[in-house]
Amino acid sequence: MVTFAPMTRRKLLTGLLAAGTLPIDLPAKSALAQSGSERRGRLPLPPPRNLPWPLKPLGSAKTSLGYDEFGRMVMHIRHDLLKGISPEMVAWWFGNIAGDMEIEGTRLNKYLVWHPQDHILWELAQTGQGGRASVGAKFRIVEAFGRDPDFYIDVTETVTRLDATGMTLLGNRMGQQVSRLNHDFFAVDGGTQYVSSLTIGSTLPLLRAVLNPLIHRAIFTEAMGYAWLRHNVEEVGLLEHIIPSIYAGNPRY
């Protein structure tokens, strides 16, 4: 296998990013991939929102971070039971995430409520089937895990599944898939079992041996992966409070 000295790897990554040929649609926390002007162009973190519900701790879920046979980083979460809501209700949420909701007399953006500290912006960059947030849509997602500027992301991902079984979002660059986020929903006694997995990296035989280590050293690091695990445990745990408060009276997804 061909290996690269540290400086050669650095130049390779910088060159690929500058040329737009690196097949990745993930944010880069490193100065290698972001100029000062790009950092200044980031959306600011809004002030934290005060909610009547606590965030679930990381220990409430079973989490792991490892690597698959292609060298891709794989994060997995088996969340605590989402009490009192069905898989259909969870799917409805993802199809109706735009707009505002009312909490204790105050109107707040639903996406900012979903994580009261880390979320910055959600927008429907492209509509899907039926002109909605559905299969075929593109979601723009901007957030900073743990409110850490080093873990800021601004991604646009394609919805390939959204129904009562779960949701899948794919991140592509130059026609190549470099991220896959799966949320699977299972009806169980008392509510919904929610399982998440996020995979970062390429499976391309000629590129993965070089690109995946570069991605994980300079763009989506293990530290960022562990921050995402905590972030996702916290946001998913709030759904058992958020969804019932706005779902009542709405049509079934």
Protein backbone atom coordinates (compact mmCIF):
# COMPACT_ATOMS: atom_id res chain seq x y z
CA MET A 1 0.00 0.00 0.00
CA VAL A 2 1.29 3.48 -0.82
CA THR A 3 1.93 5.63 2.24
CA PHE A 4 2.36 9.41 2.45
CA ALA A 5 4.55 11.48 4.71
CA PRO A 6 2.64 13.91 6.96
CA MET A 7 3.46 16.97 4.81
CA THR A 8 2.56 15.11 1.61
CA ARG A 9 -0.79 14.09 3.11
CA ARG A 10 -1.39 17.70 4.17
CA LYS A 11 -0.66 19.01 0.67
CA LEU A 12 -2.82 16.29 -0.90
CA LEU A 13 -5.83 17.09 1.27
CA THR A 14 -5.47 20.84 0.73
CA GLY A 15 -5.14 20.35 -3.03
CA LEU A 16 -8.14 18.08 -3.29
CA LEU A 17 -10.29 20.49 -1.31
CA ALA A 18 -9.12 23.47 -3.33
CA ALA A 19 -9.78 21.67 -6.61
CA GLY A 20 -13.22 20.52 -5.50
CA THR A 21 -12.30 16.91 -6.24
CA LEU A 22 -12.36 15.57 -2.71
CA PRO A 23 -15.57 13.53 -2.65
CA ILE A 24 -16.88 14.86 0.60
CA ASP A 25 -19.71 17.17 1.60
CA LEU A 26 -18.71 17.57 5.22
CA PRO A 27 -17.46 20.69 6.99
CA ALA A 28 -13.78 20.96 7.76
CA LYS A 29 -12.81 22.13 11.23
CA SER A 30 -9.15 22.35 10.25
CA ALA A 31 -7.45 25.47 8.93
CA LEU A 32 -6.23 23.21 6.12
CA ALA A 33 -9.71 23.24 4.67
CA GLN A 34 -11.15 26.54 5.89
CA SER A 35 -9.80 30.00 5.29
CA GLY A 36 -10.41 32.84 7.71
CA SER A 37 -13.06 34.27 5.41
CA GLU A 38 -14.92 30.95 5.37
CA ARG A 39 -14.89 30.85 9.18
CA ARG A 40 -16.17 34.44 9.26
CA GLY A 41 -18.94 33.39 6.89
CA ARG A 42 -20.33 30.86 9.33
CA LEU A 43 -23.79 31.34 10.76
CA PRO A 44 -23.57 32.44 14.40
CA LEU A 45 -24.79 30.24 17.23
CA PRO A 46 -28.07 31.63 18.56
CA PRO A 47 -28.49 32.01 22.30
CA PRO A 48 -29.45 28.79 24.14
CA ARG A 49 -33.17 28.20 24.51
CA ASN A 50 -34.75 27.54 27.90
CA LEU A 51 -36.98 24.46 27.75
CA PRO A 52 -39.09 22.82 30.45
CA TRP A 53 -37.50 19.42 29.70
CA PRO A 54 -34.02 18.18 30.60
CA LEU A 55 -31.59 16.75 28.06
CA LYS A 56 -31.03 13.02 28.43
CA PRO A 57 -27.49 12.08 29.50
CA LEU A 58 -25.17 10.18 27.18
CA GLY A 59 -25.39 7.19 29.52
CA SER A 60 -29.12 6.82 28.86
CA ALA A 61 -28.24 5.25 25.48
CA LYS A 62 -25.89 2.51 24.28
CA THR A 63 -23.28 4.13 22.03
CA SER A 64 -20.21 3.07 20.11
CA LEU A 65 -17.63 4.47 17.69
CA GLY A 66 -15.46 2.29 15.47
CA TYR A 67 -14.34 1.63 11.91
CA ASP A 68 -15.68 -0.75 9.26
CA GLU A 69 -13.80 -2.85 6.71
CA PHE A 70 -13.47 0.16 4.38
CA GLY A 71 -11.90 2.35 7.04
CA ARG A 72 -15.05 4.44 7.45
CA MET A 73 -15.90 5.81 10.87
CA VAL A 74 -19.15 4.29 12.17
CA MET A 75 -21.09 5.68 15.12
CA HIS A 76 -24.04 3.74 16.54
CA ILE A 77 -26.68 4.64 19.11
CA ARG A 78 -29.47 2.59 20.64
CA HIS A 79 -31.47 5.33 22.28
CA ASP A 80 -33.48 5.17 25.46
CA LEU A 81 -37.15 4.36 24.87
CA LEU A 82 -39.12 7.30 23.45
CA LYS A 83 -42.15 7.06 25.67
CA GLY A 84 -45.67 7.64 24.43
CA ILE A 85 -44.95 8.23 20.75
CA SER A 86 -45.25 5.92 17.75
CA PRO A 87 -42.91 5.47 14.77
CA GLU A 88 -45.54 7.21 12.63
CA MET A 89 -45.36 10.24 14.90
CA VAL A 90 -41.56 10.34 14.66
CA ALA A 91 -41.75 10.15 10.85
CA TRP A 92 -44.35 12.94 10.91
CA TRP A 93 -41.90 15.12 12.84
CA PHE A 94 -39.18 14.82 10.22
CA GLY A 95 -41.66 15.64 7.48
CA ASN A 96 -42.92 18.69 9.37
CA ILE A 97 -39.81 20.03 11.05
CA ALA A 98 -40.11 23.49 9.47
CA GLY A 99 -41.86 26.36 11.21
CA ASP A 100 -42.52 27.35 14.80
CA MET A 101 -44.14 25.87 17.88
CA GLU A 102 -45.32 27.33 21.16
CA ILE A 103 -43.70 26.48 24.48
CA GLU A 104 -45.09 28.01 27.65
CA GLY A 105 -46.53 30.93 25.73
CA THR A 106 -43.43 31.64 23.63
CA ARG A 107 -43.17 30.87 19.92
CA LEU A 108 -39.88 29.21 18.98
CA ASN A 109 -38.46 27.70 15.83
CA LYS A 110 -39.00 23.93 15.97
CA TYR A 111 -35.49 23.06 14.87
CA LEU A 112 -33.98 25.34 17.52
CA VAL A 113 -36.19 23.68 20.12
CA TRP A 114 -35.07 20.21 19.02
CA HIS A 115 -31.61 20.92 20.44
CA PRO A 116 -31.73 24.07 22.57
CA GLN A 117 -27.96 24.59 22.58
CA ASP A 118 -26.40 23.19 19.39
CA HIS A 119 -28.87 23.81 16.56
CA ILE A 120 -28.41 26.82 14.31
CA LEU A 121 -30.49 26.32 11.14
CA TRP A 122 -32.57 23.77 9.25
CA GLU A 123 -33.94 24.55 5.81
CA LEU A 124 -35.53 22.66 2.96
CA ALA A 125 -32.92 23.21 0.25
CA GLN A 126 -34.91 21.16 -2.26
CA THR A 127 -38.41 19.75 -1.99
CA GLY A 128 -39.10 16.05 -2.36
CA GLN A 129 -42.11 14.05 -3.41
CA GLY A 130 -45.30 16.10 -3.32
CA GLY A 131 -43.31 19.31 -2.89
CA ARG A 132 -42.64 18.49 0.76
CA ALA A 133 -39.91 17.45 3.17
CA SER A 134 -40.04 13.88 1.92
CA VAL A 135 -38.08 11.33 -0.10
CA GLY A 136 -35.98 13.17 -2.67
CA ALA A 137 -35.74 16.34 -0.59
CA LYS A 138 -32.47 17.96 0.40
CA PHE A 139 -32.10 19.13 3.99
CA ARG A 140 -29.59 21.83 4.90
CA ILE A 141 -28.43 21.29 8.48
CA VAL A 142 -26.27 23.76 10.42
CA GLU A 143 -25.22 23.04 13.99
CA ALA A 144 -22.25 22.93 16.35
CA PHE A 145 -21.96 19.85 18.54
CA GLY A 146 -21.59 20.91 22.16
CA ARG A 147 -21.62 24.55 20.97
CA ASP A 148 -17.97 23.97 20.04
CA PRO A 149 -16.84 26.01 16.99
CA ASP A 150 -14.44 23.18 16.09
CA PHE A 151 -17.47 20.90 15.67
CA TYR A 152 -19.48 23.23 13.44
CA ILE A 153 -21.19 21.63 10.45
CA ASP A 154 -23.08 23.07 7.49
CA VAL A 155 -24.22 20.20 5.27
CA THR A 156 -26.88 19.55 2.65
CA GLU A 157 -28.03 15.94 2.54
CA THR A 158 -30.52 13.99 0.44
CA VAL A 159 -33.47 12.13 1.98
CA THR A 160 -33.68 8.62 0.52
CA ARG A 161 -36.10 7.17 3.10
CA LEU A 162 -38.73 8.76 5.31
CA ASP A 163 -41.58 6.66 6.62
CA ALA A 164 -42.63 4.79 9.74
CA THR A 165 -39.56 2.51 9.46
CA GLY A 166 -37.15 5.44 9.74
CA MET A 167 -35.17 8.00 7.81
CA THR A 168 -31.96 7.90 5.75
CA LEU A 169 -29.88 10.94 4.77
CA LEU A 170 -27.00 10.68 2.29
CA GLY A 171 -24.16 13.15 1.88
CA ASN A 172 -22.53 13.19 -1.56
CA ARG A 173 -19.75 15.09 -3.27
CA MET A 174 -18.79 14.78 -6.93
CA GLY A 175 -21.27 11.93 -7.26
CA GLN A 176 -19.73 9.90 -4.46
CA GLN A 177 -21.37 9.03 -1.15
CA VAL A 178 -19.27 10.05 1.83
CA SER A 179 -21.79 10.07 4.67
CA ARG A 180 -24.84 8.03 5.55
CA LEU A 181 -27.14 8.73 8.49
CA ASN A 182 -29.73 6.10 9.35
CA HIS A 183 -32.48 6.52 11.91
CA ASP A 184 -34.56 3.35 12.39
CA PHE A 185 -37.86 3.34 14.31
CA PHE A 186 -39.43 0.28 15.95
CA ALA A 187 -42.80 0.11 17.68
CA VAL A 188 -42.41 -1.39 21.15
CA ASP A 189 -44.50 -1.50 24.31
CA GLY A 190 -44.77 2.01 25.66
CA GLY A 191 -43.41 3.89 22.67
CA THR A 192 -40.68 3.80 20.01
CA GLN A 193 -37.25 2.23 19.99
CA TYR A 194 -35.02 4.58 18.01
CA VAL A 195 -31.66 3.41 16.62
CA SER A 196 -29.18 5.73 14.88
CA SER A 197 -26.02 5.11 12.88
CA LEU A 198 -23.74 7.60 11.17
CA THR A 199 -21.06 6.42 8.72
CA ILE A 200 -18.36 8.81 7.48
CA GLY A 201 -16.00 7.96 4.62
CA SER A 202 -15.72 6.47 1.15
CA THR A 203 -15.83 2.89 -0.13
CA LEU A 204 -14.10 3.70 -3.43
CA PRO A 205 -11.35 1.07 -3.79
CA LEU A 206 -8.76 3.41 -5.32
CA LEU A 207 -9.30 6.30 -2.92
CA ARG A 208 -10.48 5.01 0.44
CA ALA A 209 -7.02 4.01 1.73
CA VAL A 210 -5.85 7.61 1.32
CA LEU A 211 -9.01 9.65 1.75
CA ASN A 212 -10.61 8.01 4.78
CA PRO A 213 -7.60 8.55 7.07
CA LEU A 214 -7.37 12.15 5.85
CA ILE A 215 -11.07 12.73 6.47
CA HIS A 216 -10.82 11.35 10.00
CA ARG A 217 -7.69 13.32 10.87
CA ALA A 218 -8.60 16.71 9.44
CA ILE A 219 -12.35 16.93 8.75
CA PHE A 220 -14.49 14.60 10.88
CA THR A 221 -12.26 13.50 13.75
CA GLU A 222 -12.95 10.98 16.50
CA ALA A 223 -13.44 13.89 18.90
CA MET A 224 -16.13 15.22 16.59
CA GLY A 225 -17.65 11.74 16.37
CA TYR A 226 -17.92 11.45 20.15
CA ALA A 227 -19.42 14.94 20.30
CA TRP A 228 -22.01 13.87 17.70
CA LEU A 229 -22.95 10.84 19.81
CA ARG A 230 -23.77 13.05 22.78
CA HIS A 231 -25.55 15.59 20.59
CA ASN A 232 -27.77 12.96 18.99
CA VAL A 233 -28.65 11.33 22.30
CA GLU A 234 -29.73 14.73 23.59
CA GLU A 235 -31.83 15.76 20.58
CA VAL A 236 -33.56 12.42 20.09
CA GLY A 237 -34.38 12.25 23.79
CA LEU A 238 -36.37 15.48 23.49
CA LEU A 239 -38.71 14.08 20.84
CA GLU A 240 -40.91 12.36 23.43
CA HIS A 241 -41.72 15.84 24.77
CA ILE A 242 -41.74 17.90 21.57
CA ILE A 243 -43.83 15.71 19.26
CA PRO A 244 -46.94 15.17 21.45
CA SER A 245 -47.23 18.90 22.04
CA ILE A 246 -47.65 19.64 18.32
CA TYR A 247 -48.88 16.37 16.83
CA ALA A 248 -52.36 16.39 18.34
CA GLY A 249 -54.94 17.20 15.68
CA ASN A 250 -52.53 16.81 12.79
CA PRO A 251 -53.14 14.21 10.08
CA ARG A 252 -51.26 10.94 10.19
CA TYR A 253 -47.97 11.10 8.27
